[in-house]
Amino acid sequence: MMRASAAACQLLRAGGSSKVLPVTWGLPGFARPLPCTQLLPLCPHTRGLHAGDDSLQNSLPEVKHFRESTLPHPLKAKPHQQCEEAPSVSLMMNRIWSQHEIDVRLRNLHQHKPETPSDHVMHVLMSSLYRAFNWVTGFKPENTPVRAVEWRLIVLESFAGVPGFMAAMFRHFRSLRSLQRDHGWIHTLLEEAENERMHLLICMKMFKANFVTRLLVLAAQVCMTPFLAAIYVVHPRAVHRFVGYLEETACLTYANIIHQVETPGTALHKAWADLPAPALAKTYWKLHEDAMWVDCLKCMFADESNHRDVNHTFATMATDDPNPFVEKHQEDAVHAWRLEQQRCTTDVGFPPSNKKTLWPR
């Protein structure tokens, strides 16, 4: 039977020195040190040997939890305390774009023409929201104020990450209820939501959100999420068509911003032309060390154009049709993995003389 014994520090006076006998507990022959929290306070002399002059007071020194102190996390475990961005995106095998792919998409700003009654309803709704959004954020196609673009990108990306996750949730529950496979839709929808969230986090590395911006983000989620969820229950195709139109406006926005950043004399050119890309963006899109902020904007544009095409495709399919983008996800994952293993980067923002180091896709 376990016998616990605990003794206070026994002070042995020998040659004017003090020694502390180890306090043990447990079975005979298998004694273990007693936890320090169960010991009586040490004598002043002993405390001085271990904790310095401050512990020579009669009372024990005050101990604060690290969360209540100004010191950093003892294990450096908080994400904002990690200097290396790679661990944050090591599991995200997103699409890695080349400069040629981005240039082709910038020249082809495809816009879908409504065909069915639900298409027309979603197109009118999106057009109305787009004009209202331009008015609220102060966005204009020529010489846009920098602050207006910052507002727009934060609100746009915070809302764009909602429909994909919401649709994936409904399809996940549907698969559980029907006891049947989803045929790959959930992965694509979650990848879209995660990609939009990464856009937002990268933007937050470049500029901050004030109270008004945060209020707009909250209002967009509170108002639009229940609305889209109600429609998705009744008519999923209409929601995918709506998201397709939403991504079309996002493509127009990014293409316009890129043009202004690359055009001397504009406010965006003055503010953003010489800004380097944040480390998170370089890791996420496998960009070169010399990549600039405008290269990040180009990658965001390419991602939005991909979401546009995916949702317009889903809007033409039945809910039990197999996902046609599964193989593309596999190819993207292989491409990103090889770039990572070979420590190569994409050619977006890359000096032309160094493009030979790329792994060909």
Foldseek 3Di string as FASTA:
>chain_A
DFDFDFDEFDWDQDPNDTDTDFTWGTDVPDTDGDDPVPYDDDALVVCCVPPNPVCNDPDGDDDDDPVPDPDDDPVLPDPVSDPALCVVCVPQLDFFDFPVLLVVCLVDLDDDDDDDPLLVVLLVVLVVVLVVLCVVLVDDLALGAPSSLLLSLLLLLLLLLQPLQLLLVVLVVVCVVVVHDQQPSNVVSNSRSVVSVLSNVQSCVPDPDDPVSVVSNVVSCVPVNVVLNVCCVPQVLSSLSSSLSSLSVVLVSLSSLLVQCPDPPGNNVVVFVPAAGDSNLCSNNVADPRHGPSLSSSVVSSSSVVSNVQSNVVSVDDSRDHRPCPVVSVVSSVQSVVCVVLVHGHCRRNDPVPNVSHDDD
